[in-house]
Amino acid sequence: MFEGKAQAARNRQDLVMQAAWTAAALGRIKKMPRLKDMLSAQPKRSKPVSWQAMYASAASWAAAFGEIRTEGDAA
């Protein structure tokens, strides 16, 4: 558990240092690069999931935890 938190802290520190380095480097150049070139590639959008597939997924999750109830099992 503590190793994961330590790794997360190192990752945050790396992000902050990268942002500081990039800001300093961009401040020294004469012509700014295009923003599109600076941004990471956006992932492709996934296909929409049908309601039937969502329902099946939720039902299987609920069944795994014993949450499927019938009409007579009112809680």
PDB file of N, CA and C in Angstrom:
ATOM      1  N   MET A   1       0.830  -1.191   0.000  1.00  0.00           N
ATOM      2  CA  MET A   1       0.000   0.000   0.000  1.00  0.00           C
ATOM      3  C   MET A   1       0.870   1.249   0.000  1.00  0.00           C
ATOM      4  N   PHE A   2       1.881   1.268   0.868  1.00  0.00           N
ATOM      5  CA  PHE A   2       2.729   2.446   0.955  1.00  0.00           C
ATOM      6  C   PHE A   2       3.588   2.616  -0.291  1.00  0.00           C
ATOM      7  N   GLU A   3       3.943   1.486  -0.917  1.00  0.00           N
ATOM      8  CA  GLU A   3       4.738   1.579  -2.142  1.00  0.00           C
ATOM      9  C   GLU A   3       3.940   2.267  -3.247  1.00  0.00           C
ATOM     10  N   GLY A   4       2.649   1.953  -3.312  1.00  0.00           N
ATOM     11  CA  GLY A   4       1.790   2.574  -4.323  1.00  0.00           C
ATOM     12  C   GLY A   4       1.659   4.069  -4.111  1.00  0.00           C
ATOM     13  N   LYS A   5       1.503   4.484  -2.842  1.00  0.00           N
ATOM     14  CA  LYS A   5       1.400   5.913  -2.550  1.00  0.00           C
ATOM     15  C   LYS A   5       2.712   6.622  -2.838  1.00  0.00           C
ATOM     16  N   ALA A   6       3.829   5.965  -2.548  1.00  0.00           N
ATOM     17  CA  ALA A   6       5.137   6.558  -2.834  1.00  0.00           C
ATOM     18  C   ALA A   6       5.326   6.715  -4.341  1.00  0.00           C
ATOM     19  N   GLN A   7       4.913   5.708  -5.100  1.00  0.00           N
ATOM     20  CA  GLN A   7       5.023   5.793  -6.564  1.00  0.00           C
ATOM     21  C   GLN A   7       4.134   6.902  -7.106  1.00  0.00           C
ATOM     22  N   ALA A   8       2.930   7.044  -6.560  1.00  0.00           N
ATOM     23  CA  ALA A   8       2.026   8.114  -6.997  1.00  0.00           C
ATOM     24  C   ALA A   8       2.634   9.475  -6.699  1.00  0.00           C
ATOM     25  N   ALA A   9       3.279   9.620  -5.547  1.00  0.00           N
ATOM     26  CA  ALA A   9       3.930  10.885  -5.199  1.00  0.00           C
ATOM     27  C   ALA A   9       5.083  11.176  -6.154  1.00  0.00           C
ATOM     28  N   ARG A  10       5.861  10.147  -6.502  1.00  0.00           N
ATOM     29  CA  ARG A  10       6.958  10.342  -7.467  1.00  0.00           C
ATOM     30  C   ARG A  10       6.407  10.741  -8.832  1.00  0.00           C
ATOM     31  N   ASN A  11       5.305  10.119  -9.249  1.00  0.00           N
ATOM     32  CA  ASN A  11       4.697  10.463 -10.537  1.00  0.00           C
ATOM     33  C   ASN A  11       4.216  11.911 -10.552  1.00  0.00           C
ATOM     34  N   ARG A  12       3.594  12.354  -9.442  1.00  0.00           N
ATOM     35  CA  ARG A  12       3.142  13.749  -9.360  1.00  0.00           C
ATOM     36  C   ARG A  12       4.330  14.702  -9.424  1.00  0.00           C
ATOM     37  N   GLN A  13       5.407  14.364  -8.712  1.00  0.00           N
ATOM     38  CA  GLN A  13       6.600  15.211  -8.726  1.00  0.00           C
ATOM     39  C   GLN A  13       7.198  15.272 -10.128  1.00  0.00           C
ATOM     40  N   ASP A  14       7.233  14.142 -10.817  1.00  0.00           N
ATOM     41  CA  ASP A  14       7.747  14.121 -12.189  1.00  0.00           C
ATOM     42  C   ASP A  14       6.908  15.007 -13.100  1.00  0.00           C
ATOM     43  N   LEU A  15       5.584  14.972 -12.934  1.00  0.00           N
ATOM     44  CA  LEU A  15       4.707  15.817 -13.746  1.00  0.00           C
ATOM     45  C   LEU A  15       4.966  17.297 -13.493  1.00  0.00           C
ATOM     46  N   VAL A  16       5.132  17.651 -12.227  1.00  0.00           N
ATOM     47  CA  VAL A  16       5.394  19.050 -11.880  1.00  0.00           C
ATOM     48  C   VAL A  16       6.733  19.492 -12.462  1.00  0.00           C
ATOM     49  N   MET A  17       7.748  18.657 -12.352  1.00  0.00           N
ATOM     50  CA  MET A  17       9.066  19.010 -12.886  1.00  0.00           C
ATOM     51  C   MET A  17       9.027  19.117 -14.412  1.00  0.00           C
ATOM     52  N   GLN A  18       8.284  18.239 -15.063  1.00  0.00           N
ATOM     53  CA  GLN A  18       8.167  18.304 -16.517  1.00  0.00           C
ATOM     54  C   GLN A  18       7.467  19.590 -16.939  1.00  0.00           C
ATOM     55  N   ALA A  19       6.424  19.973 -16.213  1.00  0.00           N
ATOM     56  CA  ALA A  19       5.713  21.214 -16.533  1.00  0.00           C
ATOM     57  C   ALA A  19       6.619  22.422 -16.332  1.00  0.00           C
ATOM     58  N   ALA A  20       7.396  22.426 -15.250  1.00  0.00           N
ATOM     59  CA  ALA A  20       8.312  23.543 -14.993  1.00  0.00           C
ATOM     60  C   ALA A  20       9.384  23.614 -16.075  1.00  0.00           C
ATOM     61  N   TRP A  21       9.928  22.464 -16.455  1.00  0.00           N
ATOM     62  CA  TRP A  21      10.963  22.448 -17.484  1.00  0.00           C
ATOM     63  C   TRP A  21      10.403  22.938 -18.818  1.00  0.00           C
ATOM     64  N   THR A  22       9.210  22.475 -19.179  1.00  0.00           N
ATOM     65  CA  THR A  22       8.587  22.884 -20.436  1.00  0.00           C
ATOM     66  C   THR A  22       8.306  24.379 -20.438  1.00  0.00           C
ATOM     67  N   ALA A  23       7.808  24.912 -19.330  1.00  0.00           N
ATOM     68  CA  ALA A  23       7.526  26.348 -19.250  1.00  0.00           C
ATOM     69  C   ALA A  23       8.805  27.156 -19.405  1.00  0.00           C
ATOM     70  N   ALA A  24       9.879  26.716 -18.766  1.00  0.00           N
ATOM     71  CA  ALA A  24      11.154  27.429 -18.881  1.00  0.00           C
ATOM     72  C   ALA A  24      11.694  27.344 -20.306  1.00  0.00           C
ATOM     73  N   ALA A  25      11.597  26.173 -20.919  1.00  0.00           N
ATOM     74  CA  ALA A  25      12.109  26.007 -22.281  1.00  0.00           C
ATOM     75  C   ALA A  25      11.306  26.839 -23.272  1.00  0.00           C
ATOM     76  N   LEU A  26       9.987  26.868 -23.128  1.00  0.00           N
ATOM     77  CA  LEU A  26       9.160  27.649 -24.046  1.00  0.00           C
ATOM     78  C   LEU A  26       9.399  29.144 -23.865  1.00  0.00           C
ATOM     79  N   GLY A  27       9.778  29.556 -22.677  1.00  0.00           N
ATOM     80  CA  GLY A  27      10.076  30.965 -22.437  1.00  0.00           C
ATOM     81  C   GLY A  27      11.341  31.429 -23.126  1.00  0.00           C
ATOM     82  N   ARG A  28      12.197  30.509 -23.510  1.00  0.00           N
ATOM     83  CA  ARG A  28      13.482  30.865 -24.120  1.00  0.00           C
ATOM     84  C   ARG A  28      13.476  30.812 -25.645  1.00  0.00           C
ATOM     85  N   ILE A  29      12.444  30.228 -26.243  1.00  0.00           N
ATOM     86  CA  ILE A  29      12.456  30.112 -27.699  1.00  0.00           C
ATOM     87  C   ILE A  29      11.769  31.315 -28.333  1.00  0.00           C
ATOM     88  N   LYS A  30      12.131  31.585 -29.590  1.00  0.00           N
ATOM     89  CA  LYS A  30      11.586  32.754 -30.282  1.00  0.00           C
ATOM     90  C   LYS A  30      10.217  32.476 -30.882  1.00  0.00           C
ATOM     91  N   LYS A  31      10.042  31.301 -31.453  1.00  0.00           N
ATOM     92  CA  LYS A  31       8.772  30.971 -32.091  1.00  0.00           C
ATOM     93  C   LYS A  31       8.137  29.797 -31.357  1.00  0.00           C
ATOM     94  N   MET A  32       6.911  30.013 -30.908  1.00  0.00           N
ATOM     95  CA  MET A  32       6.216  28.961 -30.172  1.00  0.00           C
ATOM     96  C   MET A  32       5.786  27.849 -31.130  1.00  0.00           C
ATOM     97  N   PRO A  33       5.905  26.603 -30.713  1.00  0.00           N
ATOM     98  CA  PRO A  33       5.383  25.511 -31.535  1.00  0.00           C
ATOM     99  C   PRO A  33       3.859  25.520 -31.507  1.00  0.00           C
ATOM    100  N   ARG A  34       3.253  24.871 -32.485  1.00  0.00           N
ATOM    101  CA  ARG A  34       1.794  24.790 -32.511  1.00  0.00           C
ATOM    102  C   ARG A  34       1.317  23.981 -31.307  1.00  0.00           C
ATOM    103  N   LEU A  35       0.216  24.411 -30.748  1.00  0.00           N
ATOM    104  CA  LEU A  35      -0.336  23.719 -29.589  1.00  0.00           C
ATOM    105  C   LEU A  35      -0.657  22.270 -29.918  1.00  0.00           C
ATOM    106  N   LYS A  36      -1.148  22.038 -31.133  1.00  0.00           N
ATOM    107  CA  LYS A  36      -1.487  20.675 -31.553  1.00  0.00           C
ATOM    108  C   LYS A  36      -0.261  19.765 -31.478  1.00  0.00           C
ATOM    109  N   ASP A  37       0.921  20.321 -31.790  1.00  0.00           N
ATOM    110  CA  ASP A  37       2.147  19.534 -31.730  1.00  0.00           C
ATOM    111  C   ASP A  37       2.575  19.251 -30.290  1.00  0.00           C
ATOM    112  N   MET A  38       2.171  20.108 -29.370  1.00  0.00           N
ATOM    113  CA  MET A  38       2.559  19.951 -27.971  1.00  0.00           C
ATOM    114  C   MET A  38       1.649  18.975 -27.218  1.00  0.00           C
ATOM    115  N   LEU A  39       0.400  18.845 -27.657  1.00  0.00           N
ATOM    116  CA  LEU A  39      -0.549  17.998 -26.950  1.00  0.00           C
ATOM    117  C   LEU A  39      -0.357  16.536 -27.328  1.00  0.00           C
ATOM    118  N   SER A  40      -0.665  15.667 -26.382  1.00  0.00           N
ATOM    119  CA  SER A  40      -0.587  14.237 -26.677  1.00  0.00           C
ATOM    120  C   SER A  40      -1.753  13.862 -27.591  1.00  0.00           C
ATOM    121  N   ALA A  41      -1.592  12.781 -28.289  1.00  0.00           N
ATOM    122  CA  ALA A  41      -2.643  12.329 -29.206  1.00  0.00           C
ATOM    123  C   ALA A  41      -3.869  11.922 -28.406  1.00  0.00           C
ATOM    124  N   GLN A  42      -5.012  12.317 -28.877  1.00  0.00           N
ATOM    125  CA  GLN A  42      -6.255  11.957 -28.211  1.00  0.00           C
ATOM    126  C   GLN A  42      -6.622  10.525 -28.591  1.00  0.00           C
ATOM    127  N   PRO A  43      -7.033   9.716 -27.622  1.00  0.00           N
ATOM    128  CA  PRO A  43      -7.433   8.343 -27.957  1.00  0.00           C
ATOM    129  C   PRO A  43      -8.709   8.341 -28.794  1.00  0.00           C
ATOM    130  N   LYS A  44      -8.837   7.322 -29.602  1.00  0.00           N
ATOM    131  CA  LYS A  44     -10.041   7.206 -30.418  1.00  0.00           C
ATOM    132  C   LYS A  44     -11.239   6.961 -29.514  1.00  0.00           C
ATOM    133  N   ARG A  45     -12.358   7.539 -29.883  1.00  0.00           N
ATOM    134  CA  ARG A  45     -13.576   7.342 -29.102  1.00  0.00           C
ATOM    135  C   ARG A  45     -14.075   5.921 -29.314  1.00  0.00           C
ATOM    136  N   SER A  46     -14.473   5.309 -28.237  1.00  0.00           N
ATOM    137  CA  SER A  46     -14.990   3.948 -28.340  1.00  0.00           C
ATOM    138  C   SER A  46     -16.421   3.978 -28.863  1.00  0.00           C
ATOM    139  N   LYS A  47     -16.839   2.842 -29.388  1.00  0.00           N
ATOM    140  CA  LYS A  47     -18.205   2.742 -29.902  1.00  0.00           C
ATOM    141  C   LYS A  47     -19.176   2.795 -28.732  1.00  0.00           C
ATOM    142  N   PRO A  48     -20.328   3.390 -28.931  1.00  0.00           N
ATOM    143  CA  PRO A  48     -21.333   3.400 -27.867  1.00  0.00           C
ATOM    144  C   PRO A  48     -21.771   1.973 -27.526  1.00  0.00           C
ATOM    145  N   VAL A  49     -22.018   1.754 -26.255  1.00  0.00           N
ATOM    146  CA  VAL A  49     -22.454   0.440 -25.789  1.00  0.00           C
ATOM    147  C   VAL A  49     -23.976   0.439 -25.717  1.00  0.00           C
ATOM    148  N   SER A  50     -24.571  -0.622 -26.214  1.00  0.00           N
ATOM    149  CA  SER A  50     -26.038  -0.700 -26.203  1.00  0.00           C
ATOM    150  C   SER A  50     -26.543  -0.868 -24.774  1.00  0.00           C
ATOM    151  N   TRP A  51     -27.797  -0.520 -24.568  1.00  0.00           N
ATOM    152  CA  TRP A  51     -28.358  -0.646 -23.226  1.00  0.00           C
ATOM    153  C   TRP A  51     -28.463  -2.103 -22.817  1.00  0.00           C
ATOM    154  N   GLN A  52     -28.632  -2.983 -23.809  1.00  0.00           N
ATOM    155  CA  GLN A  52     -28.720  -4.404 -23.500  1.00  0.00           C
ATOM    156  C   GLN A  52     -27.382  -4.918 -22.950  1.00  0.00           C
ATOM    157  N   ALA A  53     -26.291  -4.456 -23.560  1.00  0.00           N
ATOM    158  CA  ALA A  53     -24.972  -4.873 -23.083  1.00  0.00           C
ATOM    159  C   ALA A  53     -24.699  -4.313 -21.692  1.00  0.00           C
ATOM    160  N   MET A  54     -25.103  -3.058 -21.451  1.00  0.00           N
ATOM    161  CA  MET A  54     -24.934  -2.464 -20.125  1.00  0.00           C
ATOM    162  C   MET A  54     -25.751  -3.222 -19.089  1.00  0.00           C
ATOM    163  N   TYR A  55     -26.984  -3.566 -19.455  1.00  0.00           N
ATOM    164  CA  TYR A  55     -27.861  -4.291 -18.537  1.00  0.00           C
ATOM    165  C   TYR A  55     -27.276  -5.659 -18.211  1.00  0.00           C
ATOM    166  N   ALA A  56     -26.764  -6.349 -19.224  1.00  0.00           N
ATOM    167  CA  ALA A  56     -26.181  -7.669 -19.001  1.00  0.00           C
ATOM    168  C   ALA A  56     -24.965  -7.571 -18.085  1.00  0.00           C
ATOM    169  N   SER A  57     -24.162  -6.555 -18.288  1.00  0.00           N
ATOM    170  CA  SER A  57     -22.987  -6.355 -17.439  1.00  0.00           C
ATOM    171  C   SER A  57     -23.395  -6.071 -15.997  1.00  0.00           C
ATOM    172  N   ALA A  58     -24.380  -5.192 -15.816  1.00  0.00           N
ATOM    173  CA  ALA A  58     -24.848  -4.863 -14.471  1.00  0.00           C
ATOM    174  C   ALA A  58     -25.488  -6.074 -13.803  1.00  0.00           C
ATOM    175  N   ALA A  59     -26.235  -6.858 -14.561  1.00  0.00           N
ATOM    176  CA  ALA A  59     -26.884  -8.044 -14.001  1.00  0.00           C
ATOM    177  C   ALA A  59     -25.853  -9.076 -13.563  1.00  0.00           C
ATOM    178  N   SER A  60     -24.808  -9.261 -14.357  1.00  0.00           N
ATOM    179  CA  SER A  60     -23.785 -10.235 -13.971  1.00  0.00           C
ATOM    180  C   SER A  60     -23.014  -9.753 -12.747  1.00  0.00           C
ATOM    181  N   TRP A  61     -22.775  -8.449 -12.658  1.00  0.00           N
ATOM    182  CA  TRP A  61     -22.103  -7.892 -11.480  1.00  0.00           C
ATOM    183  C   TRP A  61     -22.980  -8.075 -10.241  1.00  0.00           C
ATOM    184  N   ALA A  62     -24.258  -7.770 -10.386  1.00  0.00           N
ATOM    185  CA  ALA A  62     -25.176  -7.910  -9.256  1.00  0.00           C
ATOM    186  C   ALA A  62     -25.310  -9.368  -8.836  1.00  0.00           C
ATOM    187  N   ALA A  63     -25.344 -10.281  -9.794  1.00  0.00           N
ATOM    188  CA  ALA A  63     -25.453 -11.700  -9.469  1.00  0.00           C
ATOM    189  C   ALA A  63     -24.214 -12.175  -8.715  1.00  0.00           C
ATOM    190  N   ALA A  64     -23.057 -11.644  -9.068  1.00  0.00           N
ATOM    191  CA  ALA A  64     -21.822 -12.033  -8.392  1.00  0.00           C
ATOM    192  C   ALA A  64     -21.846 -11.631  -6.920  1.00  0.00           C
ATOM    193  N   PHE A  65     -22.543 -10.560  -6.599  1.00  0.00           N
ATOM    194  CA  PHE A  65     -22.630 -10.091  -5.222  1.00  0.00           C
ATOM    195  C   PHE A  65     -23.945 -10.486  -4.557  1.00  0.00           C
ATOM    196  N   GLY A  66     -24.732 -11.316  -5.208  1.00  0.00           N
ATOM    197  CA  GLY A  66     -25.973 -11.801  -4.628  1.00  0.00           C
ATOM    198  C   GLY A  66     -27.041 -10.735  -4.504  1.00  0.00           C
ATOM    199  N   GLU A  67     -27.050  -9.777  -5.397  1.00  0.00           N
ATOM    200  CA  GLU A  67     -28.011  -8.679  -5.322  1.00  0.00           C
ATOM    201  C   GLU A  67     -29.203  -8.851  -6.251  1.00  0.00           C
ATOM    202  N   ILE A  68     -29.290  -9.961  -6.951  1.00  0.00           N
ATOM    203  CA  ILE A  68     -30.434 -10.202  -7.832  1.00  0.00           C
ATOM    204  C   ILE A  68     -31.617 -10.600  -6.954  1.00  0.00           C
ATOM    205  N   ARG A  69     -32.695  -9.871  -7.064  1.00  0.00           N
ATOM    206  CA  ARG A  69     -33.886 -10.147  -6.263  1.00  0.00           C
ATOM    207  C   ARG A  69     -35.067 -10.380  -7.200  1.00  0.00           C
ATOM    208  N   THR A  70     -35.964 -11.219  -6.756  1.00  0.00           N
ATOM    209  CA  THR A  70     -37.190 -11.438  -7.518  1.00  0.00           C
ATOM    210  C   THR A  70     -38.290 -10.603  -6.891  1.00  0.00           C
ATOM    211  N   GLU A  71     -39.456 -10.625  -7.480  1.00  0.00           N
ATOM    212  CA  GLU A  71     -40.565  -9.800  -6.988  1.00  0.00           C
ATOM    213  C   GLU A  71     -40.938 -10.131  -5.550  1.00  0.00           C
ATOM    214  N   GLY A  72     -40.829 -11.383  -5.145  1.00  0.00           N
ATOM    215  CA  GLY A  72     -41.207 -11.789  -3.802  1.00  0.00           C
ATOM    216  C   GLY A  72     -40.162 -11.478  -2.744  1.00  0.00           C
ATOM    217  N   ASP A  73     -38.967 -11.035  -3.159  1.00  0.00           N
ATOM    218  CA  ASP A  73     -37.872 -10.781  -2.217  1.00  0.00           C
ATOM    219  C   ASP A  73     -37.754  -9.309  -1.863  1.00  0.00           C
ATOM    220  N   ALA A  74     -38.846  -8.618  -1.686  1.00  0.00           N
ATOM    221  CA  ALA A  74     -38.780  -7.183  -1.383  1.00  0.00           C
ATOM    222  C   ALA A  74     -37.968  -6.972  -0.117  1.00  0.00           C
ATOM    223  N   ALA A  75     -37.073  -6.019  -0.187  1.00  0.00           N
ATOM    224  CA  ALA A  75     -36.179  -5.779   0.953  1.00  0.00           C
ATOM    225  C   ALA A  75     -36.695  -4.701   1.863  1.00  0.00           C
TER     226      ALA A  75
END
